[in-house]
Amino acid sequence: QVQLVESGGGSVQPGGSLRLSCAASGRTFSSWSMAWFRQPPGKEREFVGASTWSTSTYYADSVKGRFTISRDNSKNTMYLQMNTLKPEDTAVYYCATRGPSWTQRYHDYAYWGQGTQVTVSS
């Protein structure tokens, strides 16, 4: 069974930064692709980015150049560094995995964390 736990959310002013973490259980983390999604208030969950098992990264256009995904396989942890935050980045952020492959469709993911709130406001 895979367990994912996000942390690092909070409130920040526009232009600020936050780093989210996603800690995973399991002995095969290095062979998983991992993804970040977010759900803004009143909206559908949306793809933010992904880190593949081969350590390639992919991003939604809305965050490209501002957000960076990294992972530390020795700690079974993935990170989301968020810079130049905007009010429209306000959302609950989730990490997810479906094993080695990844997609941008949240319906395709079997394992989710509980989410962490990010609020960007002046």
N, C-alpha and C. Protein backbone atom coordinates (compact mmCIF):
# COMPACT_ATOMS: atom_id res chain seq x y z
N GLN A 1 0.84 -1.18 0.00
CA GLN A 1 0.00 0.00 0.00
C GLN A 1 0.88 1.24 0.00
N VAL A 2 0.54 2.21 -0.82
CA VAL A 2 1.30 3.44 -0.93
C VAL A 2 0.63 4.52 -0.09
N GLN A 3 1.42 5.19 0.70
CA GLN A 3 0.91 6.33 1.46
C GLN A 3 1.72 7.57 1.11
N LEU A 4 1.02 8.66 0.86
CA LEU A 4 1.64 9.92 0.50
C LEU A 4 1.21 10.99 1.49
N VAL A 5 2.16 11.79 1.94
CA VAL A 5 1.87 12.84 2.92
C VAL A 5 2.51 14.14 2.45
N GLU A 6 1.68 15.15 2.18
CA GLU A 6 2.18 16.46 1.78
C GLU A 6 2.38 17.34 3.01
N SER A 7 3.30 18.27 2.88
CA SER A 7 3.52 19.27 3.92
C SER A 7 4.12 20.52 3.28
N GLY A 8 4.12 21.61 4.03
CA GLY A 8 4.77 22.83 3.58
C GLY A 8 3.85 23.93 3.10
N GLY A 9 2.55 23.68 3.09
CA GLY A 9 1.63 24.70 2.66
C GLY A 9 1.56 25.85 3.66
N GLY A 10 0.87 26.91 3.26
CA GLY A 10 0.72 28.06 4.14
C GLY A 10 0.22 29.26 3.38
N SER A 11 0.31 30.41 4.02
CA SER A 11 -0.11 31.66 3.41
C SER A 11 1.11 32.50 3.06
N VAL A 12 1.05 33.13 1.91
CA VAL A 12 2.18 33.92 1.43
C VAL A 12 1.65 35.07 0.60
N GLN A 13 2.40 36.15 0.55
CA GLN A 13 2.02 37.29 -0.26
C GLN A 13 2.37 37.05 -1.73
N PRO A 14 1.69 37.72 -2.64
CA PRO A 14 2.05 37.61 -4.06
C PRO A 14 3.53 37.93 -4.28
N GLY A 15 4.16 37.13 -5.12
CA GLY A 15 5.59 37.27 -5.35
C GLY A 15 6.45 36.44 -4.44
N GLY A 16 5.84 35.85 -3.42
CA GLY A 16 6.58 35.05 -2.46
C GLY A 16 6.83 33.63 -2.94
N SER A 17 7.44 32.84 -2.05
CA SER A 17 7.82 31.47 -2.38
C SER A 17 7.37 30.52 -1.27
N LEU A 18 7.16 29.28 -1.67
CA LEU A 18 6.90 28.18 -0.74
C LEU A 18 7.51 26.92 -1.33
N ARG A 19 7.86 25.98 -0.46
CA ARG A 19 8.30 24.67 -0.92
C ARG A 19 7.43 23.61 -0.27
N LEU A 20 6.79 22.83 -1.10
CA LEU A 20 5.98 21.72 -0.63
C LEU A 20 6.80 20.43 -0.69
N SER A 21 6.48 19.53 0.22
CA SER A 21 7.10 18.20 0.24
C SER A 21 6.03 17.14 0.14
N CYS A 22 6.40 16.03 -0.44
CA CYS A 22 5.52 14.86 -0.52
C CYS A 22 6.34 13.65 -0.12
N ALA A 23 6.08 13.13 1.07
CA ALA A 23 6.79 11.97 1.57
C ALA A 23 6.00 10.71 1.26
N ALA A 24 6.68 9.72 0.71
CA ALA A 24 6.01 8.50 0.28
C ALA A 24 6.51 7.30 1.06
N SER A 25 5.60 6.38 1.34
CA SER A 25 6.00 5.09 1.91
C SER A 25 6.28 4.13 0.76
N GLY A 26 6.90 3.02 1.06
CA GLY A 26 7.14 2.04 0.01
C GLY A 26 8.60 1.97 -0.38
N ARG A 27 9.02 0.79 -0.82
CA ARG A 27 10.43 0.58 -1.12
C ARG A 27 10.78 0.78 -2.58
N THR A 28 9.79 1.15 -3.40
CA THR A 28 10.05 1.27 -4.83
C THR A 28 9.85 2.69 -5.33
N PHE A 29 10.01 3.67 -4.44
CA PHE A 29 9.77 5.07 -4.80
C PHE A 29 10.56 5.47 -6.03
N SER A 30 11.80 5.02 -6.14
CA SER A 30 12.65 5.45 -7.25
C SER A 30 12.13 4.98 -8.60
N SER A 31 11.25 3.99 -8.60
CA SER A 31 10.70 3.49 -9.86
C SER A 31 9.32 4.07 -10.18
N TRP A 32 8.86 4.99 -9.34
CA TRP A 32 7.55 5.61 -9.56
C TRP A 32 7.71 6.96 -10.25
N SER A 33 6.75 7.27 -11.07
CA SER A 33 6.57 8.65 -11.48
C SER A 33 5.62 9.30 -10.47
N MET A 34 5.85 10.54 -10.17
CA MET A 34 5.06 11.27 -9.18
C MET A 34 4.52 12.55 -9.82
N ALA A 35 3.38 12.98 -9.36
CA ALA A 35 2.77 14.18 -9.92
C ALA A 35 2.25 15.09 -8.83
N TRP A 36 2.18 16.36 -9.16
CA TRP A 36 1.51 17.36 -8.32
C TRP A 36 0.26 17.83 -9.05
N PHE A 37 -0.83 17.91 -8.31
CA PHE A 37 -2.07 18.49 -8.78
C PHE A 37 -2.48 19.58 -7.80
N ARG A 38 -3.41 20.41 -8.22
CA ARG A 38 -3.98 21.39 -7.30
C ARG A 38 -5.46 21.57 -7.61
N GLN A 39 -6.19 21.97 -6.57
CA GLN A 39 -7.62 22.21 -6.73
C GLN A 39 -7.95 23.58 -6.17
N PRO A 40 -8.14 24.57 -7.06
CA PRO A 40 -8.52 25.89 -6.60
C PRO A 40 -9.95 25.85 -6.04
N PRO A 41 -10.32 26.83 -5.23
CA PRO A 41 -11.67 26.85 -4.65
C PRO A 41 -12.73 26.83 -5.74
N GLY A 42 -13.65 25.90 -5.65
CA GLY A 42 -14.77 25.84 -6.58
C GLY A 42 -14.43 25.34 -7.97
N LYS A 43 -13.21 24.84 -8.14
CA LYS A 43 -12.80 24.39 -9.47
C LYS A 43 -12.36 22.93 -9.43
N GLU A 44 -12.16 22.38 -10.62
CA GLU A 44 -11.74 20.99 -10.75
C GLU A 44 -10.25 20.88 -10.47
N ARG A 45 -9.86 19.69 -10.04
CA ARG A 45 -8.44 19.43 -9.80
C ARG A 45 -7.68 19.53 -11.12
N GLU A 46 -6.50 20.14 -11.08
CA GLU A 46 -5.72 20.35 -12.30
C GLU A 46 -4.27 19.93 -12.13
N PHE A 47 -3.69 19.53 -13.22
CA PHE A 47 -2.29 19.09 -13.25
C PHE A 47 -1.35 20.27 -13.06
N VAL A 48 -0.35 20.08 -12.21
CA VAL A 48 0.68 21.09 -12.00
C VAL A 48 1.99 20.66 -12.64
N GLY A 49 2.41 19.44 -12.37
CA GLY A 49 3.65 18.94 -12.93
C GLY A 49 3.91 17.52 -12.50
N ALA A 50 4.95 16.93 -13.11
CA ALA A 50 5.28 15.54 -12.82
C ALA A 50 6.78 15.34 -12.84
N SER A 51 7.20 14.37 -12.04
CA SER A 51 8.59 13.91 -12.02
C SER A 51 8.58 12.43 -12.35
N THR A 52 9.20 12.07 -13.45
CA THR A 52 9.17 10.67 -13.85
C THR A 52 10.21 9.86 -13.09
N TRP A 53 10.10 8.52 -13.21
CA TRP A 53 11.06 7.65 -12.54
C TRP A 53 12.48 7.90 -13.08
N SER A 54 12.56 8.41 -14.33
CA SER A 54 13.87 8.70 -14.92
C SER A 54 14.32 10.13 -14.62
N THR A 55 13.60 10.79 -13.72
CA THR A 55 13.87 12.15 -13.22
C THR A 55 13.65 13.24 -14.25
N SER A 56 12.95 12.95 -15.33
CA SER A 56 12.48 14.03 -16.20
C SER A 56 11.34 14.75 -15.49
N THR A 57 11.16 16.01 -15.84
CA THR A 57 10.07 16.79 -15.24
C THR A 57 9.23 17.46 -16.32
N TYR A 58 7.97 17.62 -16.01
CA TYR A 58 7.02 18.24 -16.93
C TYR A 58 6.14 19.18 -16.12
N TYR A 59 5.71 20.26 -16.75
CA TYR A 59 4.94 21.28 -16.04
C TYR A 59 3.76 21.76 -16.87
N ALA A 60 2.72 22.16 -16.16
CA ALA A 60 1.63 22.86 -16.80
C ALA A 60 2.13 24.24 -17.25
N ASP A 61 1.56 24.74 -18.32
CA ASP A 61 1.99 26.04 -18.84
C ASP A 61 1.82 27.14 -17.80
N SER A 62 0.82 27.02 -16.96
CA SER A 62 0.51 28.06 -15.99
C SER A 62 1.59 28.22 -14.92
N VAL A 63 2.43 27.20 -14.74
CA VAL A 63 3.45 27.27 -13.69
C VAL A 63 4.87 27.19 -14.24
N LYS A 64 4.99 26.94 -15.53
CA LYS A 64 6.31 26.77 -16.14
C LYS A 64 7.16 28.02 -15.92
N GLY A 65 8.39 27.81 -15.48
CA GLY A 65 9.28 28.92 -15.21
C GLY A 65 9.19 29.47 -13.80
N ARG A 66 8.14 29.10 -13.08
CA ARG A 66 7.97 29.56 -11.68
C ARG A 66 8.08 28.41 -10.69
N PHE A 67 7.61 27.23 -11.08
CA PHE A 67 7.61 26.07 -10.18
C PHE A 67 8.68 25.08 -10.64
N THR A 68 9.29 24.40 -9.68
CA THR A 68 10.30 23.39 -9.97
C THR A 68 10.04 22.16 -9.12
N ILE A 69 9.99 21.02 -9.79
CA ILE A 69 9.82 19.74 -9.09
C ILE A 69 11.18 19.05 -8.98
N SER A 70 11.44 18.52 -7.81
CA SER A 70 12.64 17.72 -7.60
C SER A 70 12.29 16.54 -6.71
N ARG A 71 13.20 15.61 -6.61
CA ARG A 71 12.94 14.45 -5.76
C ARG A 71 14.25 13.96 -5.18
N ASP A 72 14.14 13.38 -3.98
CA ASP A 72 15.27 12.76 -3.30
C ASP A 72 14.87 11.32 -3.04
N ASN A 73 15.35 10.43 -3.89
CA ASN A 73 14.94 9.03 -3.77
C ASN A 73 15.45 8.39 -2.48
N SER A 74 16.55 8.90 -1.93
CA SER A 74 17.06 8.35 -0.67
C SER A 74 16.12 8.66 0.50
N LYS A 75 15.29 9.68 0.34
CA LYS A 75 14.35 10.07 1.39
C LYS A 75 12.91 9.77 0.99
N ASN A 76 12.71 9.14 -0.15
CA ASN A 76 11.34 8.86 -0.65
C ASN A 76 10.50 10.13 -0.64
N THR A 77 11.06 11.22 -1.09
CA THR A 77 10.38 12.51 -1.01
C THR A 77 10.50 13.27 -2.33
N MET A 78 9.39 13.89 -2.70
CA MET A 78 9.33 14.78 -3.85
C MET A 78 9.05 16.18 -3.35
N TYR A 79 9.55 17.17 -4.06
CA TYR A 79 9.39 18.56 -3.65
C TYR A 79 8.77 19.39 -4.78
N LEU A 80 8.10 20.44 -4.38
CA LEU A 80 7.59 21.43 -5.34
C LEU A 80 8.01 22.80 -4.83
N GLN A 81 9.01 23.37 -5.49
CA GLN A 81 9.44 24.73 -5.16
C GLN A 81 8.61 25.69 -5.98
N MET A 82 7.90 26.57 -5.29
CA MET A 82 7.00 27.51 -5.95
C MET A 82 7.51 28.92 -5.72
N ASN A 83 7.88 29.59 -6.80
CA ASN A 83 8.37 30.96 -6.73
C ASN A 83 7.42 31.90 -7.46
N THR A 84 7.59 33.17 -7.19
CA THR A 84 6.76 34.21 -7.84
C THR A 84 5.28 33.82 -7.80
N LEU A 85 4.82 33.50 -6.61
CA LEU A 85 3.45 33.03 -6.46
C LEU A 85 2.45 34.13 -6.77
N LYS A 86 1.32 33.71 -7.34
CA LYS A 86 0.25 34.61 -7.73
C LYS A 86 -1.02 34.22 -6.99
N PRO A 87 -1.96 35.16 -6.84
CA PRO A 87 -3.23 34.79 -6.18
C PRO A 87 -3.92 33.61 -6.84
N GLU A 88 -3.78 33.47 -8.14
CA GLU A 88 -4.42 32.35 -8.84
C GLU A 88 -3.75 31.01 -8.55
N ASP A 89 -2.64 31.00 -7.84
CA ASP A 89 -2.03 29.75 -7.40
C ASP A 89 -2.67 29.22 -6.12
N THR A 90 -3.57 30.00 -5.54
CA THR A 90 -4.27 29.57 -4.33
C THR A 90 -5.05 28.29 -4.61
N ALA A 91 -4.80 27.26 -3.82
CA ALA A 91 -5.42 25.95 -4.05
C ALA A 91 -4.98 24.99 -2.96
N VAL A 92 -5.65 23.86 -2.93
CA VAL A 92 -5.14 22.72 -2.18
C VAL A 92 -4.24 21.94 -3.13
N TYR A 93 -3.03 21.67 -2.70
CA TYR A 93 -2.05 20.97 -3.52
C TYR A 93 -1.94 19.52 -3.07
N TYR A 94 -1.96 18.63 -4.06
CA TYR A 94 -1.89 17.20 -3.81
C TYR A 94 -0.73 16.58 -4.57
N CYS A 95 -0.12 15.57 -3.97
CA CYS A 95 0.78 14.72 -4.74
C CYS A 95 0.08 13.39 -5.00
N ALA A 96 0.50 12.75 -6.07
CA ALA A 96 -0.17 11.52 -6.49
C ALA A 96 0.81 10.65 -7.26
N THR A 97 0.48 9.36 -7.30
CA THR A 97 1.26 8.44 -8.11
C THR A 97 0.37 7.33 -8.65
N ARG A 98 0.78 6.77 -9.77
CA ARG A 98 0.10 5.62 -10.37
C ARG A 98 1.12 4.58 -10.80
N GLY A 99 2.33 4.65 -10.17
CA GLY A 99 3.38 3.71 -10.52
C GLY A 99 4.37 4.35 -11.48
N PRO A 100 4.94 3.58 -12.39
CA PRO A 100 6.00 4.11 -13.27
C PRO A 100 5.51 5.14 -14.29
N SER A 101 4.28 5.05 -14.71
CA SER A 101 3.79 5.96 -15.75
C SER A 101 3.11 7.17 -15.12
N TRP A 102 2.83 8.14 -15.96
CA TRP A 102 2.16 9.35 -15.48
C TRP A 102 1.27 9.90 -16.58
N THR A 103 0.27 10.65 -16.17
CA THR A 103 -0.58 11.36 -17.11
C THR A 103 -0.92 12.71 -16.50
N GLN A 104 -1.60 13.54 -17.26
CA GLN A 104 -2.07 14.82 -16.72
C GLN A 104 -3.51 14.73 -16.22
N ARG A 105 -4.09 13.55 -16.30
CA ARG A 105 -5.50 13.38 -15.92
C ARG A 105 -5.60 12.86 -14.50
N TYR A 106 -6.23 13.61 -13.63
CA TYR A 106 -6.24 13.20 -12.23
C TYR A 106 -7.04 11.92 -12.03
N HIS A 107 -7.99 11.64 -12.94
CA HIS A 107 -8.78 10.41 -12.82
C HIS A 107 -7.90 9.15 -12.91
N ASP A 108 -6.72 9.29 -13.52
CA ASP A 108 -5.87 8.13 -13.76
C ASP A 108 -5.06 7.70 -12.54
N TYR A 109 -5.09 8.49 -11.49
CA TYR A 109 -4.21 8.24 -10.35
C TYR A 109 -4.91 7.49 -9.23
N ALA A 110 -4.21 6.50 -8.71
CA ALA A 110 -4.81 5.65 -7.68
C ALA A 110 -4.43 6.09 -6.27
N TYR A 111 -3.27 6.70 -6.13
CA TYR A 111 -2.77 7.03 -4.79
C TYR A 111 -2.61 8.54 -4.65
N TRP A 112 -3.15 9.07 -3.56
CA TRP A 112 -3.17 10.50 -3.31
C TRP A 112 -2.77 10.79 -1.87
N GLY A 113 -2.16 11.95 -1.68
CA GLY A 113 -1.98 12.47 -0.35
C GLY A 113 -3.23 13.19 0.10
N GLN A 114 -3.19 13.72 1.33
CA GLN A 114 -4.37 14.37 1.90
C GLN A 114 -4.50 15.82 1.45
N GLY A 115 -3.44 16.37 0.86
CA GLY A 115 -3.47 17.74 0.38
C GLY A 115 -2.93 18.73 1.40
N THR A 116 -2.41 19.84 0.88
CA THR A 116 -1.94 20.92 1.75
C THR A 116 -2.38 22.24 1.12
N GLN A 117 -2.88 23.14 1.95
CA GLN A 117 -3.46 24.40 1.47
C GLN A 117 -2.36 25.42 1.21
N VAL A 118 -2.44 26.06 0.05
CA VAL A 118 -1.58 27.19 -0.29
C VAL A 118 -2.48 28.38 -0.57
N THR A 119 -2.25 29.47 0.14
CA THR A 119 -3.04 30.68 -0.05
C THR A 119 -2.10 31.83 -0.38
N VAL A 120 -2.36 32.47 -1.51
CA VAL A 120 -1.55 33.60 -1.94
C VAL A 120 -2.44 34.84 -1.93
N SER A 121 -2.14 35.73 -1.02
CA SER A 121 -3.00 36.89 -0.84
C SER A 121 -2.22 38.01 -0.17
N SER A 122 -2.59 39.24 -0.54
CA SER A 122 -1.97 40.39 0.11
C SER A 122 -2.82 40.85 1.30
